[in-house]
Amino acid sequence: MAAEGTKRKYWSAEVTERSNALDLEPGVFTWKDPRRIAKSLKHSAEASARRKGTPLQSAMSMLNLYINRAGTNLSGPQRRILEQAKVELRRLFSS
């Protein structure tokens, strides 16, 4: 429980801000362009020397973590954008 007057911080927010596996661009999950999100995640995953899986696995894991942990706080339109970013991510890695 957070002390009175302090803001509660969730571990999932900490992960997306300071991932040990990927260096993410600030606000990447709030962008409105699924392709831009996917390209940024792909770049971050390929540039990382700390990831444990393939670049696709790392990028997809980070995206899924954000979607799952945002839960009901994620608006319908933004959820659809992030789901479309998954499709774009797969497309970028397959080409």
PDB file of N, CA and C in Angstrom:
ATOM      1  N   MET A   1       0.838  -1.182   0.000  1.00  0.00           N
ATOM      2  CA  MET A   1       0.000   0.000   0.000  1.00  0.00           C
ATOM      3  C   MET A   1       0.883   1.245   0.000  1.00  0.00           C
ATOM      4  N   ALA A   2       0.545   2.192  -0.798  1.00  0.00           N
ATOM      5  CA  ALA A   2       1.326   3.422  -0.904  1.00  0.00           C
ATOM      6  C   ALA A   2       1.036   4.340   0.275  1.00  0.00           C
ATOM      7  N   ALA A   3       2.064   5.017   0.733  1.00  0.00           N
ATOM      8  CA  ALA A   3       1.884   5.974   1.812  1.00  0.00           C
ATOM      9  C   ALA A   3       1.047   7.147   1.313  1.00  0.00           C
ATOM     10  N   GLU A   4       0.346   7.791   2.244  1.00  0.00           N
ATOM     11  CA  GLU A   4      -0.491   8.925   1.860  1.00  0.00           C
ATOM     12  C   GLU A   4       0.353  10.005   1.198  1.00  0.00           C
ATOM     13  N   GLY A   5      -0.133  10.512   0.084  1.00  0.00           N
ATOM     14  CA  GLY A   5       0.576  11.580  -0.615  1.00  0.00           C
ATOM     15  C   GLY A   5       1.616  11.092  -1.610  1.00  0.00           C
ATOM     16  N   THR A   6       1.800   9.764  -1.710  1.00  0.00           N
ATOM     17  CA  THR A   6       2.744   9.247  -2.687  1.00  0.00           C
ATOM     18  C   THR A   6       1.985   8.541  -3.799  1.00  0.00           C
ATOM     19  N   LYS A   7       2.589   8.514  -4.946  1.00  0.00           N
ATOM     20  CA  LYS A   7       1.975   7.879  -6.102  1.00  0.00           C
ATOM     21  C   LYS A   7       2.387   6.411  -6.122  1.00  0.00           C
ATOM     22  N   ARG A   8       1.407   5.528  -6.275  1.00  0.00           N
ATOM     23  CA  ARG A   8       1.696   4.100  -6.322  1.00  0.00           C
ATOM     24  C   ARG A   8       2.317   3.760  -7.672  1.00  0.00           C
ATOM     25  N   LYS A   9       3.374   2.986  -7.664  1.00  0.00           N
ATOM     26  CA  LYS A   9       4.074   2.612  -8.887  1.00  0.00           C
ATOM     27  C   LYS A   9       3.989   1.095  -9.044  1.00  0.00           C
ATOM     28  N   TYR A  10       3.508   0.663 -10.185  1.00  0.00           N
ATOM     29  CA  TYR A  10       3.374  -0.756 -10.447  1.00  0.00           C
ATOM     30  C   TYR A  10       4.641  -1.299 -11.094  1.00  0.00           C
ATOM     31  N   TRP A  11       4.932  -2.577 -10.817  1.00  0.00           N
ATOM     32  CA  TRP A  11       6.143  -3.180 -11.377  1.00  0.00           C
ATOM     33  C   TRP A  11       6.085  -3.200 -12.899  1.00  0.00           C
ATOM     34  N   SER A  12       4.886  -3.330 -13.468  1.00  0.00           N
ATOM     35  CA  SER A  12       4.777  -3.373 -14.925  1.00  0.00           C
ATOM     36  C   SER A  12       5.177  -2.037 -15.552  1.00  0.00           C
ATOM     37  N   ALA A  13       4.859  -0.950 -14.878  1.00  0.00           N
ATOM     38  CA  ALA A  13       5.287   0.363 -15.373  1.00  0.00           C
ATOM     39  C   ALA A  13       6.805   0.463 -15.321  1.00  0.00           C
ATOM     40  N   GLU A  14       7.379  -0.071 -14.263  1.00  0.00           N
ATOM     41  CA  GLU A  14       8.833  -0.072 -14.125  1.00  0.00           C
ATOM     42  C   GLU A  14       9.482  -0.871 -15.254  1.00  0.00           C
ATOM     43  N   VAL A  15       8.893  -2.019 -15.594  1.00  0.00           N
ATOM     44  CA  VAL A  15       9.439  -2.866 -16.654  1.00  0.00           C
ATOM     45  C   VAL A  15       9.406  -2.146 -17.993  1.00  0.00           C
ATOM     46  N   THR A  16       8.280  -1.511 -18.309  1.00  0.00           N
ATOM     47  CA  THR A  16       8.197  -0.854 -19.609  1.00  0.00           C
ATOM     48  C   THR A  16       9.070   0.393 -19.674  1.00  0.00           C
ATOM     49  N   GLU A  17       9.325   1.018 -18.538  1.00  0.00           N
ATOM     50  CA  GLU A  17      10.188   2.201 -18.526  1.00  0.00           C
ATOM     51  C   GLU A  17      11.664   1.832 -18.526  1.00  0.00           C
ATOM     52  N   ARG A  18      12.006   0.780 -17.805  1.00  0.00           N
ATOM     53  CA  ARG A  18      13.420   0.433 -17.632  1.00  0.00           C
ATOM     54  C   ARG A  18      13.660  -1.049 -17.878  1.00  0.00           C
ATOM     55  N   SER A  19      13.253  -1.533 -19.008  1.00  0.00           N
ATOM     56  CA  SER A  19      13.437  -2.939 -19.351  1.00  0.00           C
ATOM     57  C   SER A  19      14.915  -3.291 -19.339  1.00  0.00           C
ATOM     58  N   ASN A  20      15.219  -4.447 -18.772  1.00  0.00           N
ATOM     59  CA  ASN A  20      16.597  -4.917 -18.765  1.00  0.00           C
ATOM     60  C   ASN A  20      16.963  -5.542 -20.109  1.00  0.00           C
ATOM     61  N   ALA A  21      15.957  -5.837 -20.927  1.00  0.00           N
ATOM     62  CA  ALA A  21      16.223  -6.495 -22.191  1.00  0.00           C
ATOM     63  C   ALA A  21      16.209  -5.538 -23.381  1.00  0.00           C
ATOM     64  N   LEU A  22      15.348  -4.530 -23.323  1.00  0.00           N
ATOM     65  CA  LEU A  22      15.214  -3.618 -24.456  1.00  0.00           C
ATOM     66  C   LEU A  22      15.257  -2.170 -23.993  1.00  0.00           C
ATOM     67  N   ASP A  23      15.909  -1.331 -24.775  1.00  0.00           N
ATOM     68  CA  ASP A  23      15.879   0.113 -24.549  1.00  0.00           C
ATOM     69  C   ASP A  23      14.785   0.666 -25.452  1.00  0.00           C
ATOM     70  N   LEU A  24      13.646   0.999 -24.857  1.00  0.00           N
ATOM     71  CA  LEU A  24      12.483   1.453 -25.623  1.00  0.00           C
ATOM     72  C   LEU A  24      12.487   2.965 -25.792  1.00  0.00           C
ATOM     73  N   GLU A  25      11.937   3.403 -26.912  1.00  0.00           N
ATOM     74  CA  GLU A  25      11.757   4.835 -27.116  1.00  0.00           C
ATOM     75  C   GLU A  25      10.671   5.315 -26.156  1.00  0.00           C
ATOM     76  N   PRO A  26      10.819   6.495 -25.588  1.00  0.00           N
ATOM     77  CA  PRO A  26       9.803   7.014 -24.664  1.00  0.00           C
ATOM     78  C   PRO A  26       8.429   7.106 -25.326  1.00  0.00           C
ATOM     79  N   GLY A  27       7.412   6.591 -24.652  1.00  0.00           N
ATOM     80  CA  GLY A  27       6.039   6.698 -25.118  1.00  0.00           C
ATOM     81  C   GLY A  27       5.683   5.802 -26.281  1.00  0.00           C
ATOM     82  N   VAL A  28       6.517   4.822 -26.598  1.00  0.00           N
ATOM     83  CA  VAL A  28       6.301   3.985 -27.778  1.00  0.00           C
ATOM     84  C   VAL A  28       4.916   3.337 -27.786  1.00  0.00           C
ATOM     85  N   PHE A  29       4.388   2.963 -26.635  1.00  0.00           N
ATOM     86  CA  PHE A  29       3.098   2.276 -26.587  1.00  0.00           C
ATOM     87  C   PHE A  29       1.906   3.234 -26.650  1.00  0.00           C
ATOM     88  N   THR A  30       2.175   4.520 -26.693  1.00  0.00           N
ATOM     89  CA  THR A  30       1.088   5.503 -26.791  1.00  0.00           C
ATOM     90  C   THR A  30       0.948   6.052 -28.206  1.00  0.00           C
ATOM     91  N   TRP A  31       1.865   5.676 -29.090  1.00  0.00           N
ATOM     92  CA  TRP A  31       1.814   6.170 -30.463  1.00  0.00           C
ATOM     93  C   TRP A  31       0.569   5.656 -31.166  1.00  0.00           C
ATOM     94  N   LYS A  32       0.147   6.364 -32.201  1.00  0.00           N
ATOM     95  CA  LYS A  32      -1.079   6.031 -32.932  1.00  0.00           C
ATOM     96  C   LYS A  32      -0.837   5.240 -34.213  1.00  0.00           C
ATOM     97  N   ASP A  33       0.411   5.040 -34.595  1.00  0.00           N
ATOM     98  CA  ASP A  33       0.749   4.338 -35.828  1.00  0.00           C
ATOM     99  C   ASP A  33       1.325   2.954 -35.506  1.00  0.00           C
ATOM    100  N   PRO A  34       0.578   1.873 -35.792  1.00  0.00           N
ATOM    101  CA  PRO A  34       1.047   0.520 -35.465  1.00  0.00           C
ATOM    102  C   PRO A  34       2.371   0.162 -36.136  1.00  0.00           C
ATOM    103  N   ARG A  35       2.559   0.624 -37.365  1.00  0.00           N
ATOM    104  CA  ARG A  35       3.806   0.311 -38.072  1.00  0.00           C
ATOM    105  C   ARG A  35       4.995   0.997 -37.402  1.00  0.00           C
ATOM    106  N   ARG A  36       4.805   2.224 -36.968  1.00  0.00           N
ATOM    107  CA  ARG A  36       5.878   2.954 -36.275  1.00  0.00           C
ATOM    108  C   ARG A  36       6.232   2.259 -34.961  1.00  0.00           C
ATOM    109  N   ILE A  37       5.218   1.802 -34.239  1.00  0.00           N
ATOM    110  CA  ILE A  37       5.454   1.075 -32.987  1.00  0.00           C
ATOM    111  C   ILE A  37       6.257  -0.191 -33.276  1.00  0.00           C
ATOM    112  N   ALA A  38       5.828  -0.949 -34.286  1.00  0.00           N
ATOM    113  CA  ALA A  38       6.498  -2.197 -34.640  1.00  0.00           C
ATOM    114  C   ALA A  38       7.945  -1.948 -35.070  1.00  0.00           C
ATOM    115  N   LYS A  39       8.170  -0.927 -35.875  1.00  0.00           N
ATOM    116  CA  LYS A  39       9.531  -0.611 -36.325  1.00  0.00           C
ATOM    117  C   LYS A  39      10.428  -0.237 -35.147  1.00  0.00           C
ATOM    118  N   SER A  40       9.877   0.519 -34.201  1.00  0.00           N
ATOM    119  CA  SER A  40      10.652   0.914 -33.033  1.00  0.00           C
ATOM    120  C   SER A  40      11.004  -0.306 -32.173  1.00  0.00           C
ATOM    121  N   LEU A  41      10.025  -1.184 -31.951  1.00  0.00           N
ATOM    122  CA  LEU A  41      10.282  -2.385 -31.159  1.00  0.00           C
ATOM    123  C   LEU A  41      11.288  -3.294 -31.857  1.00  0.00           C
ATOM    124  N   LYS A  42      11.176  -3.419 -33.172  1.00  0.00           N
ATOM    125  CA  LYS A  42      12.119  -4.240 -33.931  1.00  0.00           C
ATOM    126  C   LYS A  42      13.532  -3.682 -33.797  1.00  0.00           C
ATOM    127  N   HIS A  43      13.650  -2.382 -33.949  1.00  0.00           N
ATOM    128  CA  HIS A  43      14.965  -1.748 -33.823  1.00  0.00           C
ATOM    129  C   HIS A  43      15.549  -1.964 -32.419  1.00  0.00           C
ATOM    130  N   SER A  44      14.726  -1.766 -31.405  1.00  0.00           N
ATOM    131  CA  SER A  44      15.183  -1.942 -30.019  1.00  0.00           C
ATOM    132  C   SER A  44      15.623  -3.377 -29.762  1.00  0.00           C
ATOM    133  N   ALA A  45      14.844  -4.329 -30.262  1.00  0.00           N
ATOM    134  CA  ALA A  45      15.164  -5.743 -30.038  1.00  0.00           C
ATOM    135  C   ALA A  45      16.439  -6.152 -30.769  1.00  0.00           C
ATOM    136  N   GLU A  46      16.599  -5.675 -31.984  1.00  0.00           N
ATOM    137  CA  GLU A  46      17.797  -6.037 -32.747  1.00  0.00           C
ATOM    138  C   GLU A  46      19.047  -5.376 -32.178  1.00  0.00           C
ATOM    139  N   ALA A  47      18.900  -4.209 -31.581  1.00  0.00           N
ATOM    140  CA  ALA A  47      20.049  -3.481 -31.039  1.00  0.00           C
ATOM    141  C   ALA A  47      20.467  -3.980 -29.664  1.00  0.00           C
ATOM    142  N   SER A  48      19.590  -4.717 -28.997  1.00  0.00           N
ATOM    143  CA  SER A  48      19.860  -5.138 -27.624  1.00  0.00           C
ATOM    144  C   SER A  48      20.813  -6.329 -27.565  1.00  0.00           C
ATOM    145  N   ALA A  49      21.798  -6.224 -26.700  1.00  0.00           N
ATOM    146  CA  ALA A  49      22.711  -7.338 -26.448  1.00  0.00           C
ATOM    147  C   ALA A  49      22.289  -8.084 -25.186  1.00  0.00           C
ATOM    148  N   ARG A  50      21.230  -7.603 -24.522  1.00  0.00           N
ATOM    149  CA  ARG A  50      20.815  -8.183 -23.241  1.00  0.00           C
ATOM    150  C   ARG A  50      19.608  -9.118 -23.354  1.00  0.00           C
ATOM    151  N   ARG A  51      19.026  -9.215 -24.535  1.00  0.00           N
ATOM    152  CA  ARG A  51      17.828 -10.035 -24.665  1.00  0.00           C
ATOM    153  C   ARG A  51      18.186 -11.513 -24.578  1.00  0.00           C
ATOM    154  N   LYS A  52      17.195 -12.313 -24.180  1.00  0.00           N
ATOM    155  CA  LYS A  52      17.432 -13.749 -24.024  1.00  0.00           C
ATOM    156  C   LYS A  52      16.954 -14.557 -25.212  1.00  0.00           C
ATOM    157  N   GLY A  53      15.907 -14.119 -25.887  1.00  0.00           N
ATOM    158  CA  GLY A  53      15.364 -14.848 -27.033  1.00  0.00           C
ATOM    159  C   GLY A  53      15.768 -14.188 -28.332  1.00  0.00           C
ATOM    160  N   THR A  54      15.029 -14.530 -29.379  1.00  0.00           N
ATOM    161  CA  THR A  54      15.259 -13.894 -30.676  1.00  0.00           C
ATOM    162  C   THR A  54      14.736 -12.457 -30.608  1.00  0.00           C
ATOM    163  N   PRO A  55      15.128 -11.624 -31.550  1.00  0.00           N
ATOM    164  CA  PRO A  55      14.597 -10.259 -31.556  1.00  0.00           C
ATOM    165  C   PRO A  55      13.067 -10.231 -31.644  1.00  0.00           C
ATOM    166  N   LEU A  56      12.475 -11.107 -32.460  1.00  0.00           N
ATOM    167  CA  LEU A  56      11.020 -11.149 -32.560  1.00  0.00           C
ATOM    168  C   LEU A  56      10.389 -11.522 -31.228  1.00  0.00           C
ATOM    169  N   GLN A  57      10.926 -12.533 -30.549  1.00  0.00           N
ATOM    170  CA  GLN A  57      10.390 -12.942 -29.254  1.00  0.00           C
ATOM    171  C   GLN A  57      10.471 -11.814 -28.235  1.00  0.00           C
ATOM    172  N   SER A  58      11.590 -11.124 -28.208  1.00  0.00           N
ATOM    173  CA  SER A  58      11.768 -10.041 -27.248  1.00  0.00           C
ATOM    174  C   SER A  58      10.809  -8.883 -27.510  1.00  0.00           C
ATOM    175  N   ALA A  59      10.685  -8.495 -28.772  1.00  0.00           N
ATOM    176  CA  ALA A  59       9.799  -7.387 -29.133  1.00  0.00           C
ATOM    177  C   ALA A  59       8.347  -7.753 -28.854  1.00  0.00           C
ATOM    178  N   MET A  60       7.943  -8.958 -29.240  1.00  0.00           N
ATOM    179  CA  MET A  60       6.564  -9.402 -29.032  1.00  0.00           C
ATOM    180  C   MET A  60       6.257  -9.546 -27.539  1.00  0.00           C
ATOM    181  N   SER A  61       7.212 -10.029 -26.779  1.00  0.00           N
ATOM    182  CA  SER A  61       7.023 -10.173 -25.333  1.00  0.00           C
ATOM    183  C   SER A  61       6.786  -8.824 -24.665  1.00  0.00           C
ATOM    184  N   MET A  62       7.560  -7.829 -25.068  1.00  0.00           N
ATOM    185  CA  MET A  62       7.403  -6.506 -24.479  1.00  0.00           C
ATOM    186  C   MET A  62       6.043  -5.916 -24.841  1.00  0.00           C
ATOM    187  N   LEU A  63       5.628  -6.103 -26.071  1.00  0.00           N
ATOM    188  CA  LEU A  63       4.335  -5.601 -26.525  1.00  0.00           C
ATOM    189  C   LEU A  63       3.198  -6.310 -25.785  1.00  0.00           C
ATOM    190  N   ASN A  64       3.278  -7.625 -25.680  1.00  0.00           N
ATOM    191  CA  ASN A  64       2.257  -8.381 -24.956  1.00  0.00           C
ATOM    192  C   ASN A  64       2.219  -8.020 -23.475  1.00  0.00           C
ATOM    193  N   LEU A  65       3.383  -7.837 -22.876  1.00  0.00           N
ATOM    194  CA  LEU A  65       3.433  -7.443 -21.475  1.00  0.00           C
ATOM    195  C   LEU A  65       2.681  -6.133 -21.267  1.00  0.00           C
ATOM    196  N   TYR A  66       2.933  -5.175 -22.130  1.00  0.00           N
ATOM    197  CA  TYR A  66       2.272  -3.880 -21.988  1.00  0.00           C
ATOM    198  C   TYR A  66       0.761  -4.014 -22.160  1.00  0.00           C
ATOM    199  N   ILE A  67       0.327  -4.735 -23.186  1.00  0.00           N
ATOM    200  CA  ILE A  67      -1.107  -4.906 -23.432  1.00  0.00           C
ATOM    201  C   ILE A  67      -1.776  -5.606 -22.254  1.00  0.00           C
ATOM    202  N   ASN A  68      -1.174  -6.691 -21.788  1.00  0.00           N
ATOM    203  CA  ASN A  68      -1.768  -7.465 -20.694  1.00  0.00           C
ATOM    204  C   ASN A  68      -1.788  -6.705 -19.381  1.00  0.00           C
ATOM    205  N   ARG A  69      -0.731  -5.980 -19.096  1.00  0.00           N
ATOM    206  CA  ARG A  69      -0.656  -5.272 -17.814  1.00  0.00           C
ATOM    207  C   ARG A  69      -1.464  -3.985 -17.805  1.00  0.00           C
ATOM    208  N   ALA A  70      -1.697  -3.416 -18.967  1.00  0.00           N
ATOM    209  CA  ALA A  70      -2.507  -2.192 -19.016  1.00  0.00           C
ATOM    210  C   ALA A  70      -3.956  -2.508 -18.686  1.00  0.00           C
ATOM    211  N   GLY A  71      -4.404  -3.696 -19.060  1.00  0.00           N
ATOM    212  CA  GLY A  71      -5.740  -4.155 -18.714  1.00  0.00           C
ATOM    213  C   GLY A  71      -6.829  -3.193 -19.117  1.00  0.00           C
ATOM    214  N   THR A  72      -7.716  -2.884 -18.164  1.00  0.00           N
ATOM    215  CA  THR A  72      -8.859  -2.022 -18.454  1.00  0.00           C
ATOM    216  C   THR A  72      -8.459  -0.558 -18.594  1.00  0.00           C
ATOM    217  N   ASN A  73      -7.252  -0.223 -18.218  1.00  0.00           N
ATOM    218  CA  ASN A  73      -6.789   1.157 -18.365  1.00  0.00           C
ATOM    219  C   ASN A  73      -6.429   1.495 -19.808  1.00  0.00           C
ATOM    220  N   LEU A  74      -6.347   0.481 -20.659  1.00  0.00           N
ATOM    221  CA  LEU A  74      -6.015   0.676 -22.066  1.00  0.00           C
ATOM    222  C   LEU A  74      -7.305   0.891 -22.846  1.00  0.00           C
ATOM    223  N   SER A  75      -7.404   2.016 -23.531  1.00  0.00           N
ATOM    224  CA  SER A  75      -8.627   2.320 -24.289  1.00  0.00           C
ATOM    225  C   SER A  75      -8.787   1.338 -25.448  1.00  0.00           C
ATOM    226  N   GLY A  76     -10.018   1.156 -25.888  1.00  0.00           N
ATOM    227  CA  GLY A  76     -10.301   0.272 -27.018  1.00  0.00           C
ATOM    228  C   GLY A  76      -9.519   0.636 -28.263  1.00  0.00           C
ATOM    229  N   PRO A  77      -9.528   1.922 -28.653  1.00  0.00           N
ATOM    230  CA  PRO A  77      -8.759   2.303 -29.852  1.00  0.00           C
ATOM    231  C   PRO A  77      -7.251   2.030 -29.714  1.00  0.00           C
ATOM    232  N   GLN A  78      -6.685   2.306 -28.540  1.00  0.00           N
ATOM    233  CA  GLN A  78      -5.245   2.075 -28.372  1.00  0.00           C
ATOM    234  C   GLN A  78      -4.946   0.578 -28.340  1.00  0.00           C
ATOM    235  N   ARG A  79      -5.837  -0.215 -27.750  1.00  0.00           N
ATOM    236  CA  ARG A  79      -5.659  -1.675 -27.746  1.00  0.00           C
ATOM    237  C   ARG A  79      -5.639  -2.191 -29.195  1.00  0.00           C
ATOM    238  N   ARG A  80      -6.540  -1.688 -30.036  1.00  0.00           N
ATOM    239  CA  ARG A  80      -6.580  -2.111 -31.438  1.00  0.00           C
ATOM    240  C   ARG A  80      -5.286  -1.710 -32.164  1.00  0.00           C
ATOM    241  N   ILE A  81      -4.778  -0.536 -31.871  1.00  0.00           N
ATOM    242  CA  ILE A  81      -3.510  -0.089 -32.466  1.00  0.00           C
ATOM    243  C   ILE A  81      -2.378  -1.032 -32.057  1.00  0.00           C
ATOM    244  N   LEU A  82      -2.333  -1.399 -30.785  1.00  0.00           N
ATOM    245  CA  LEU A  82      -1.266  -2.279 -30.306  1.00  0.00           C
ATOM    246  C   LEU A  82      -1.421  -3.697 -30.851  1.00  0.00           C
ATOM    247  N   GLU A  83      -2.653  -4.166 -30.993  1.00  0.00           N
ATOM    248  CA  GLU A  83      -2.880  -5.483 -31.606  1.00  0.00           C
ATOM    249  C   GLU A  83      -2.438  -5.459 -33.068  1.00  0.00           C
ATOM    250  N   GLN A  84      -2.702  -4.364 -33.764  1.00  0.00           N
ATOM    251  CA  GLN A  84      -2.255  -4.236 -35.149  1.00  0.00           C
ATOM    252  C   GLN A  84      -0.723  -4.147 -35.209  1.00  0.00           C
ATOM    253  N   ALA A  85      -0.113  -3.573 -34.173  1.00  0.00           N
ATOM    254  CA  ALA A  85       1.354  -3.502 -34.119  1.00  0.00           C
ATOM    255  C   ALA A  85       1.951  -4.908 -34.058  1.00  0.00           C
ATOM    256  N   LYS A  86       1.245  -5.858 -33.441  1.00  0.00           N
ATOM    257  CA  LYS A  86       1.714  -7.247 -33.419  1.00  0.00           C
ATOM    258  C   LYS A  86       1.768  -7.803 -34.840  1.00  0.00           C
ATOM    259  N   VAL A  87       0.723  -7.534 -35.605  1.00  0.00           N
ATOM    260  CA  VAL A  87       0.670  -7.989 -36.991  1.00  0.00           C
ATOM    261  C   VAL A  87       1.826  -7.366 -37.787  1.00  0.00           C
ATOM    262  N   GLU A  88       2.023  -6.080 -37.587  1.00  0.00           N
ATOM    263  CA  GLU A  88       3.114  -5.370 -38.285  1.00  0.00           C
ATOM    264  C   GLU A  88       4.479  -5.918 -37.873  1.00  0.00           C
ATOM    265  N   LEU A  89       4.626  -6.231 -36.602  1.00  0.00           N
ATOM    266  CA  LEU A  89       5.890  -6.763 -36.096  1.00  0.00           C
ATOM    267  C   LEU A  89       6.207  -8.095 -36.768  1.00  0.00           C
ATOM    268  N   ARG A  90       5.207  -8.967 -36.844  1.00  0.00           N
ATOM    269  CA  ARG A  90       5.416 -10.256 -37.524  1.00  0.00           C
ATOM    270  C   ARG A  90       5.780 -10.030 -38.994  1.00  0.00           C
ATOM    271  N   ARG A  91       5.105  -9.076 -39.628  1.00  0.00           N
ATOM    272  CA  ARG A  91       5.360  -8.769 -41.032  1.00  0.00           C
ATOM    273  C   ARG A  91       6.788  -8.247 -41.220  1.00  0.00           C
ATOM    274  N   LEU A  92       7.227  -7.367 -40.342  1.00  0.00           N
ATOM    275  CA  LEU A  92       8.580  -6.806 -40.452  1.00  0.00           C
ATOM    276  C   LEU A  92       9.652  -7.870 -40.279  1.00  0.00           C
ATOM    277  N   PHE A  93       9.413  -8.801 -39.379  1.00  0.00           N
ATOM    278  CA  PHE A  93      10.416  -9.847 -39.142  1.00  0.00           C
ATOM    279  C   PHE A  93      10.401 -10.929 -40.201  1.00  0.00           C
ATOM    280  N   SER A  94       9.287 -11.064 -40.916  1.00  0.00           N
ATOM    281  CA  SER A  94       9.225 -12.118 -41.941  1.00  0.00           C
ATOM    282  C   SER A  94       9.821 -11.659 -43.270  1.00  0.00           C
ATOM    283  N   SER A  95      10.011 -10.353 -43.431  1.00  0.00           N
ATOM    284  CA  SER A  95      10.532  -9.874 -44.719  1.00  0.00           C
ATOM    285  C   SER A  95      12.038  -9.723 -44.710  1.00  0.00           C
TER     286      SER A  95
END
